[in-house]
Amino acid sequence: MFSSILGTELTVANFIVCMCVSIVLGLIVAMVHMLTVRSNKNFIQTLCILPVLVTMVILLVNGNLGTGVAVAGAFSLVRFRSIPGNSREIMAVFFAMAIGLAVGTGYIAFGSLFTILVSLFLFVLSKISFGEMKNTEKKLVILIPEDLDYTNVFDNIFDNYLDRFSLVKSKTTNMGSLFELTYMVKLKPEINEKEFMDKIRVKNGNLKVLLSHPLDESEAL
């Protein structure tokens, strides 16, 4: 059974043990995140220090209801002044906070085992690309002048280069002087994307043409 190392009073020895364990586990979380997800340096450093901060807060609360309410209010202020990240970054933050909570309440062995098991699980999921969709559709965004009828203007090009396509959105932009068309398309096998985009540029007067995956890592929540 797991048991807490903390008694009724917080000793210096227990404090040092909790801080050291939090630092080590924070480094493990950060390293796993680095190995499985592309992220910036600031976020990695945040993951390193977050378990230590949460541990410190929980040690200070130590069963005091009034202090706990004040800490919850402080955390909510920090949350609403922060920029939301993608789903994997949010999960990593919760992972680091859960470690801090476990260590801060004195459950060192539980927090360590939890960190190792979840880290291994995340690493395996990353290596086998679990949940990765084999979606061959792409998003095509085209800008055209307002005087160009977009109804059938690209049909010949699309028939030659695409297996299927559908117009999902059209809107005006640049003070109404341009139309922005958004298509969902599936390219034919072995089609040269540059050649396809060049054909469109001839039709739309060399305005913007964007071909991308419909959902990238930064949009996924």
C-alpha atoms as a PDB file:
ATOM      1  CA  MET A   1       0.000   0.000   0.000  1.00  0.00           C
ATOM      2  CA  PHE A   2       1.099   3.545  -0.679  1.00  0.00           C
ATOM      3  CA  SER A   3       1.487   5.814   2.350  1.00  0.00           C
ATOM      4  CA  SER A   4       2.374   9.457   2.870  1.00  0.00           C
ATOM      5  CA  ILE A   5       5.757  10.416   4.308  1.00  0.00           C
ATOM      6  CA  LEU A   6       4.260  13.560   5.860  1.00  0.00           C
ATOM      7  CA  GLY A   7       3.162  13.590   9.465  1.00  0.00           C
ATOM      8  CA  THR A   8       1.304  16.265  11.372  1.00  0.00           C
ATOM      9  CA  GLU A   9       4.181  18.709  10.911  1.00  0.00           C
ATOM     10  CA  LEU A  10       6.303  19.439   7.864  1.00  0.00           C
ATOM     11  CA  THR A  11       9.967  18.814   8.654  1.00  0.00           C
ATOM     12  CA  VAL A  12      12.947  20.167   6.755  1.00  0.00           C
ATOM     13  CA  ALA A  13      13.947  16.650   5.708  1.00  0.00           C
ATOM     14  CA  ASN A  14      10.503  15.891   4.296  1.00  0.00           C
ATOM     15  CA  PHE A  15      10.447  19.231   2.502  1.00  0.00           C
ATOM     16  CA  ILE A  16      13.808  18.574   0.838  1.00  0.00           C
ATOM     17  CA  VAL A  17      12.765  15.043  -0.184  1.00  0.00           C
ATOM     18  CA  CYS A  18       9.526  16.304  -1.746  1.00  0.00           C
ATOM     19  CA  MET A  19      11.304  19.096  -3.607  1.00  0.00           C
ATOM     20  CA  CYS A  20      14.012  16.781  -4.971  1.00  0.00           C
ATOM     21  CA  VAL A  21      11.499  14.159  -6.092  1.00  0.00           C
ATOM     22  CA  SER A  22       9.387  16.853  -7.785  1.00  0.00           C
ATOM     23  CA  ILE A  23      12.409  18.135  -9.679  1.00  0.00           C
ATOM     24  CA  VAL A  24      13.341  14.649 -10.906  1.00  0.00           C
ATOM     25  CA  LEU A  25       9.777  13.794 -11.941  1.00  0.00           C
ATOM     26  CA  GLY A  26       9.384  17.168 -13.631  1.00  0.00           C
ATOM     27  CA  LEU A  27      12.502  16.472 -15.685  1.00  0.00           C
ATOM     28  CA  ILE A  28      11.049  13.087 -16.691  1.00  0.00           C
ATOM     29  CA  VAL A  29       7.785  14.701 -17.827  1.00  0.00           C
ATOM     30  CA  ALA A  30       9.685  17.323 -19.830  1.00  0.00           C
ATOM     31  CA  MET A  31      11.943  14.729 -21.484  1.00  0.00           C
ATOM     32  CA  VAL A  32       8.974  12.549 -22.474  1.00  0.00           C
ATOM     33  CA  HIS A  33       7.240  15.591 -23.949  1.00  0.00           C
ATOM     34  CA  MET A  34      10.397  16.502 -25.892  1.00  0.00           C
ATOM     35  CA  LEU A  35      10.671  12.974 -27.301  1.00  0.00           C
ATOM     36  CA  THR A  36       7.021  12.685 -28.349  1.00  0.00           C
ATOM     37  CA  VAL A  37       5.904  16.207 -29.321  1.00  0.00           C
ATOM     38  CA  ARG A  38       7.545  19.211 -30.951  1.00  0.00           C
ATOM     39  CA  SER A  39       7.461  22.088 -28.489  1.00  0.00           C
ATOM     40  CA  ASN A  40       9.322  25.268 -27.637  1.00  0.00           C
ATOM     41  CA  LYS A  41      11.958  25.730 -24.964  1.00  0.00           C
ATOM     42  CA  ASN A  42       9.782  27.854 -22.680  1.00  0.00           C
ATOM     43  CA  PHE A  43       7.074  25.203 -22.459  1.00  0.00           C
ATOM     44  CA  ILE A  44       9.614  22.439 -21.738  1.00  0.00           C
ATOM     45  CA  GLN A  45      11.112  24.504 -18.921  1.00  0.00           C
ATOM     46  CA  THR A  46       7.615  25.152 -17.575  1.00  0.00           C
ATOM     47  CA  LEU A  47       6.955  21.409 -17.410  1.00  0.00           C
ATOM     48  CA  CYS A  48      10.198  20.959 -15.464  1.00  0.00           C
ATOM     49  CA  ILE A  49       9.268  23.488 -12.789  1.00  0.00           C
ATOM     50  CA  LEU A  50       5.488  22.993 -12.599  1.00  0.00           C
ATOM     51  CA  PRO A  51       5.549  19.858 -10.360  1.00  0.00           C
ATOM     52  CA  VAL A  52       7.866  21.688  -7.957  1.00  0.00           C
ATOM     53  CA  LEU A  53       5.539  24.703  -7.749  1.00  0.00           C
ATOM     54  CA  VAL A  54       2.435  22.569  -7.213  1.00  0.00           C
ATOM     55  CA  THR A  55       4.250  20.517  -4.575  1.00  0.00           C
ATOM     56  CA  MET A  56       5.238  23.703  -2.756  1.00  0.00           C
ATOM     57  CA  VAL A  57       1.658  24.997  -2.823  1.00  0.00           C
ATOM     58  CA  ILE A  58       0.211  21.722  -1.522  1.00  0.00           C
ATOM     59  CA  LEU A  59       2.809  21.592   1.268  1.00  0.00           C
ATOM     60  CA  LEU A  60       1.816  25.104   2.296  1.00  0.00           C
ATOM     61  CA  VAL A  61      -1.900  24.272   2.294  1.00  0.00           C
ATOM     62  CA  ASN A  62      -1.403  21.055   4.335  1.00  0.00           C
ATOM     63  CA  GLY A  63      -5.060  20.614   5.251  1.00  0.00           C
ATOM     64  CA  ASN A  64      -5.824  24.313   5.826  1.00  0.00           C
ATOM     65  CA  LEU A  65      -9.214  24.964   4.171  1.00  0.00           C
ATOM     66  CA  GLY A  66      -8.849  28.753   4.053  1.00  0.00           C
ATOM     67  CA  THR A  67      -5.415  28.562   2.456  1.00  0.00           C
ATOM     68  CA  GLY A  68      -6.719  25.984  -0.015  1.00  0.00           C
ATOM     69  CA  VAL A  69      -9.518  28.320  -1.159  1.00  0.00           C
ATOM     70  CA  ALA A  70      -7.037  31.180  -1.587  1.00  0.00           C
ATOM     71  CA  VAL A  71      -4.692  28.970  -3.620  1.00  0.00           C
ATOM     72  CA  ALA A  72      -7.574  27.829  -5.858  1.00  0.00           C
ATOM     73  CA  GLY A  73      -8.393  31.482  -6.557  1.00  0.00           C
ATOM     74  CA  ALA A  74      -4.763  32.232  -7.439  1.00  0.00           C
ATOM     75  CA  PHE A  75      -4.641  29.271  -9.841  1.00  0.00           C
ATOM     76  CA  SER A  76      -7.819  30.451 -11.572  1.00  0.00           C
ATOM     77  CA  LEU A  77      -6.296  33.912 -12.130  1.00  0.00           C
ATOM     78  CA  VAL A  78      -3.182  32.378 -13.672  1.00  0.00           C
ATOM     79  CA  ARG A  79      -5.335  30.168 -15.920  1.00  0.00           C
ATOM     80  CA  PHE A  80      -7.324  33.031 -17.403  1.00  0.00           C
ATOM     81  CA  ARG A  81      -4.199  35.112 -18.067  1.00  0.00           C
ATOM     82  CA  SER A  82      -2.511  32.298 -19.976  1.00  0.00           C
ATOM     83  CA  ILE A  83      -2.717  31.476 -23.677  1.00  0.00           C
ATOM     84  CA  PRO A  84      -4.492  28.157 -24.366  1.00  0.00           C
ATOM     85  CA  GLY A  85      -2.300  25.562 -26.053  1.00  0.00           C
ATOM     86  CA  ASN A  86      -3.071  22.492 -28.081  1.00  0.00           C
ATOM     87  CA  SER A  87      -4.592  19.374 -26.566  1.00  0.00           C
ATOM     88  CA  ARG A  88      -1.233  17.647 -25.956  1.00  0.00           C
ATOM     89  CA  GLU A  89       0.205  20.669 -24.127  1.00  0.00           C
ATOM     90  CA  ILE A  90      -2.888  20.933 -21.921  1.00  0.00           C
ATOM     91  CA  MET A  91      -2.566  17.227 -21.103  1.00  0.00           C
ATOM     92  CA  ALA A  92       1.128  17.697 -20.225  1.00  0.00           C
ATOM     93  CA  VAL A  93       0.248  20.553 -17.857  1.00  0.00           C
ATOM     94  CA  PHE A  94      -2.351  18.406 -16.080  1.00  0.00           C
ATOM     95  CA  PHE A  95       0.164  15.540 -15.933  1.00  0.00           C
ATOM     96  CA  ALA A  96       2.750  17.778 -14.260  1.00  0.00           C
ATOM     97  CA  MET A  97       0.169  19.169 -11.837  1.00  0.00           C
ATOM     98  CA  ALA A  98      -1.019  15.665 -10.889  1.00  0.00           C
ATOM     99  CA  ILE A  99       2.579  14.747 -10.053  1.00  0.00           C
ATOM    100  CA  GLY A 100       2.922  17.864  -7.911  1.00  0.00           C
ATOM    101  CA  LEU A 101      -0.298  17.022  -6.074  1.00  0.00           C
ATOM    102  CA  ALA A 102       0.850  13.470  -5.358  1.00  0.00           C
ATOM    103  CA  VAL A 103       4.300  14.504  -4.138  1.00  0.00           C
ATOM    104  CA  GLY A 104       2.939  17.507  -2.215  1.00  0.00           C
ATOM    105  CA  THR A 105       0.666  15.245  -0.190  1.00  0.00           C
ATOM    106  CA  GLY A 106       3.637  13.014   0.625  1.00  0.00           C
ATOM    107  CA  TYR A 107       2.856  10.073  -1.662  1.00  0.00           C
ATOM    108  CA  ILE A 108       6.346   9.875  -3.125  1.00  0.00           C
ATOM    109  CA  ALA A 109       6.196   6.250  -4.284  1.00  0.00           C
ATOM    110  CA  PHE A 110       2.740   6.695  -5.785  1.00  0.00           C
ATOM    111  CA  GLY A 111       3.797   9.839  -7.674  1.00  0.00           C
ATOM    112  CA  SER A 112       6.948   8.173  -8.981  1.00  0.00           C
ATOM    113  CA  LEU A 113       5.128   5.041 -10.150  1.00  0.00           C
ATOM    114  CA  PHE A 114       2.386   7.164 -11.725  1.00  0.00           C
ATOM    115  CA  THR A 115       4.987   9.215 -13.624  1.00  0.00           C
ATOM    116  CA  ILE A 116       6.821   6.161 -14.940  1.00  0.00           C
ATOM    117  CA  LEU A 117       3.673   4.329 -16.080  1.00  0.00           C
ATOM    118  CA  VAL A 118       2.087   7.335 -17.804  1.00  0.00           C
ATOM    119  CA  SER A 119       5.400   8.324 -19.419  1.00  0.00           C
ATOM    120  CA  LEU A 120       5.868   4.819 -20.833  1.00  0.00           C
ATOM    121  CA  PHE A 121       2.269   4.815 -22.052  1.00  0.00           C
ATOM    122  CA  LEU A 122       2.686   8.174 -23.829  1.00  0.00           C
ATOM    123  CA  PHE A 123       5.980   7.056 -25.360  1.00  0.00           C
ATOM    124  CA  VAL A 124       4.421   3.856 -26.743  1.00  0.00           C
ATOM    125  CA  LEU A 125       1.408   5.758 -28.135  1.00  0.00           C
ATOM    126  CA  SER A 126       3.779   8.160 -29.876  1.00  0.00           C
ATOM    127  CA  LYS A 127       5.893   5.385 -31.403  1.00  0.00           C
ATOM    128  CA  ILE A 128       2.942   3.424 -32.806  1.00  0.00           C
ATOM    129  CA  SER A 129       1.223   6.660 -34.004  1.00  0.00           C
ATOM    130  CA  PHE A 130      -1.966   5.622 -32.244  1.00  0.00           C
ATOM    131  CA  GLY A 131      -4.990   7.663 -33.356  1.00  0.00           C
ATOM    132  CA  GLU A 132      -3.284   9.057 -36.457  1.00  0.00           C
ATOM    133  CA  MET A 133      -5.862   9.326 -39.199  1.00  0.00           C
ATOM    134  CA  LYS A 134      -4.855   8.315 -42.711  1.00  0.00           C
ATOM    135  CA  ASN A 135      -6.779  11.194 -44.225  1.00  0.00           C
ATOM    136  CA  THR A 136      -5.867  11.848 -47.843  1.00  0.00           C
ATOM    137  CA  GLU A 137      -8.094  14.914 -48.144  1.00  0.00           C
ATOM    138  CA  LYS A 138      -6.552  18.370 -48.106  1.00  0.00           C
ATOM    139  CA  LYS A 139      -7.832  21.897 -47.734  1.00  0.00           C
ATOM    140  CA  LEU A 140      -7.455  24.150 -50.768  1.00  0.00           C
ATOM    141  CA  VAL A 141      -7.835  27.917 -50.335  1.00  0.00           C
ATOM    142  CA  ILE A 142      -7.945  30.124 -53.448  1.00  0.00           C
ATOM    143  CA  LEU A 143      -8.235  33.904 -53.764  1.00  0.00           C
ATOM    144  CA  ILE A 144      -9.885  35.232 -56.939  1.00  0.00           C
ATOM    145  CA  PRO A 145     -10.869  38.714 -58.153  1.00  0.00           C
ATOM    146  CA  GLU A 146     -14.446  39.761 -57.449  1.00  0.00           C
ATOM    147  CA  ASP A 147     -15.303  39.942 -61.176  1.00  0.00           C
ATOM    148  CA  LEU A 148     -14.393  36.273 -61.758  1.00  0.00           C
ATOM    149  CA  ASP A 149     -17.318  33.836 -61.614  1.00  0.00           C
ATOM    150  CA  TYR A 150     -16.002  31.037 -59.408  1.00  0.00           C
ATOM    151  CA  THR A 151     -18.905  28.656 -60.030  1.00  0.00           C
ATOM    152  CA  ASN A 152     -17.221  26.521 -62.697  1.00  0.00           C
ATOM    153  CA  VAL A 153     -13.970  28.373 -63.398  1.00  0.00           C
ATOM    154  CA  PHE A 154     -11.693  25.645 -61.926  1.00  0.00           C
ATOM    155  CA  ASP A 155     -13.694  22.579 -63.000  1.00  0.00           C
ATOM    156  CA  ASN A 156     -11.379  21.615 -65.880  1.00  0.00           C
ATOM    157  CA  ILE A 157      -8.302  21.785 -63.631  1.00  0.00           C
ATOM    158  CA  PHE A 158     -10.022  19.899 -60.828  1.00  0.00           C
ATOM    159  CA  ASP A 159     -11.188  17.140 -63.192  1.00  0.00           C
ATOM    160  CA  ASN A 160      -7.608  16.594 -64.388  1.00  0.00           C
ATOM    161  CA  TYR A 161      -5.870  16.655 -61.011  1.00  0.00           C
ATOM    162  CA  LEU A 162      -8.427  15.646 -58.387  1.00  0.00           C
ATOM    163  CA  ASP A 163     -10.363  12.497 -57.547  1.00  0.00           C
ATOM    164  CA  ARG A 164     -13.006  14.565 -55.787  1.00  0.00           C
ATOM    165  CA  PHE A 165     -13.610  18.080 -54.535  1.00  0.00           C
ATOM    166  CA  SER A 166     -16.262  20.131 -52.806  1.00  0.00           C
ATOM    167  CA  LEU A 167     -16.620  23.847 -52.109  1.00  0.00           C
ATOM    168  CA  VAL A 168     -17.136  24.180 -48.346  1.00  0.00           C
ATOM    169  CA  LYS A 169     -16.882  27.952 -47.884  1.00  0.00           C
ATOM    170  CA  SER A 170     -16.783  31.150 -49.908  1.00  0.00           C
ATOM    171  CA  LYS A 171     -16.415  34.666 -48.530  1.00  0.00           C
ATOM    172  CA  THR A 172     -15.356  38.147 -49.568  1.00  0.00           C
ATOM    173  CA  THR A 173     -12.121  39.652 -48.332  1.00  0.00           C
ATOM    174  CA  ASN A 174      -9.909  42.716 -48.850  1.00  0.00           C
ATOM    175  CA  MET A 175     -12.849  45.148 -48.614  1.00  0.00           C
ATOM    176  CA  GLY A 176     -14.914  43.043 -50.982  1.00  0.00           C
ATOM    177  CA  SER A 177     -12.418  43.178 -53.849  1.00  0.00           C
ATOM    178  CA  LEU A 178     -11.564  39.454 -53.584  1.00  0.00           C
ATOM    179  CA  PHE A 179     -13.330  36.159 -52.992  1.00  0.00           C
ATOM    180  CA  GLU A 180     -11.756  33.506 -50.763  1.00  0.00           C
ATOM    181  CA  LEU A 181     -12.808  29.986 -51.735  1.00  0.00           C
ATOM    182  CA  THR A 182     -12.201  26.988 -49.478  1.00  0.00           C
ATOM    183  CA  TYR A 183     -12.388  23.483 -50.958  1.00  0.00           C
ATOM    184  CA  MET A 184     -11.907  20.009 -49.550  1.00  0.00           C
ATOM    185  CA  VAL A 185     -10.027  18.053 -52.206  1.00  0.00           C
ATOM    186  CA  LYS A 186      -8.425  14.662 -52.793  1.00  0.00           C
ATOM    187  CA  LEU A 187      -5.523  14.657 -55.237  1.00  0.00           C
ATOM    188  CA  LYS A 188      -5.144  11.897 -57.776  1.00  0.00           C
ATOM    189  CA  PRO A 189      -2.208   9.508 -57.151  1.00  0.00           C
ATOM    190  CA  GLU A 190       1.238  10.722 -58.262  1.00  0.00           C
ATOM    191  CA  ILE A 191      -0.026  14.215 -59.047  1.00  0.00           C
ATOM    192  CA  ASN A 192       2.558  17.020 -58.977  1.00  0.00           C
ATOM    193  CA  GLU A 193       1.217  19.509 -56.419  1.00  0.00           C
ATOM    194  CA  LYS A 194       3.288  22.416 -57.776  1.00  0.00           C
ATOM    195  CA  GLU A 195       1.972  21.849 -61.267  1.00  0.00           C
ATOM    196  CA  PHE A 196      -1.582  21.716 -59.914  1.00  0.00           C
ATOM    197  CA  MET A 197      -1.139  24.980 -58.012  1.00  0.00           C
ATOM    198  CA  ASP A 198       0.506  26.670 -61.022  1.00  0.00           C
ATOM    199  CA  LYS A 199      -2.548  25.837 -63.146  1.00  0.00           C
ATOM    200  CA  ILE A 200      -4.770  27.517 -60.558  1.00  0.00           C
ATOM    201  CA  ARG A 201      -2.503  30.577 -60.387  1.00  0.00           C
ATOM    202  CA  VAL A 202      -2.931  31.094 -64.110  1.00  0.00           C
ATOM    203  CA  LYS A 203      -6.709  31.202 -63.605  1.00  0.00           C
ATOM    204  CA  ASN A 204      -6.800  33.414 -60.511  1.00  0.00           C
ATOM    205  CA  GLY A 205      -4.263  36.011 -61.663  1.00  0.00           C
ATOM    206  CA  ASN A 206      -1.385  34.740 -59.499  1.00  0.00           C
ATOM    207  CA  LEU A 207      -3.227  35.454 -56.255  1.00  0.00           C
ATOM    208  CA  LYS A 208      -2.917  33.339 -53.115  1.00  0.00           C
ATOM    209  CA  VAL A 209      -3.284  29.555 -53.412  1.00  0.00           C
ATOM    210  CA  LEU A 210      -2.945  27.461 -50.237  1.00  0.00           C
ATOM    211  CA  LEU A 211      -2.945  23.658 -50.101  1.00  0.00           C
ATOM    212  CA  SER A 212      -2.737  22.144 -46.619  1.00  0.00           C
ATOM    213  CA  HIS A 213      -3.972  19.398 -44.325  1.00  0.00           C
ATOM    214  CA  PRO A 214      -7.401  20.257 -42.926  1.00  0.00           C
ATOM    215  CA  LEU A 215      -6.273  20.041 -39.301  1.00  0.00           C
ATOM    216  CA  ASP A 216      -2.757  20.504 -37.979  1.00  0.00           C
ATOM    217  CA  GLU A 217      -1.259  20.085 -34.492  1.00  0.00           C
ATOM    218  CA  SER A 218      -1.809  23.699 -33.458  1.00  0.00           C
ATOM    219  CA  GLU A 219      -5.551  23.569 -34.170  1.00  0.00           C
ATOM    220  CA  ALA A 220      -6.264  20.252 -32.460  1.00  0.00           C
ATOM    221  CA  LEU A 221      -8.063  20.608 -29.132  1.00  0.00           C
END
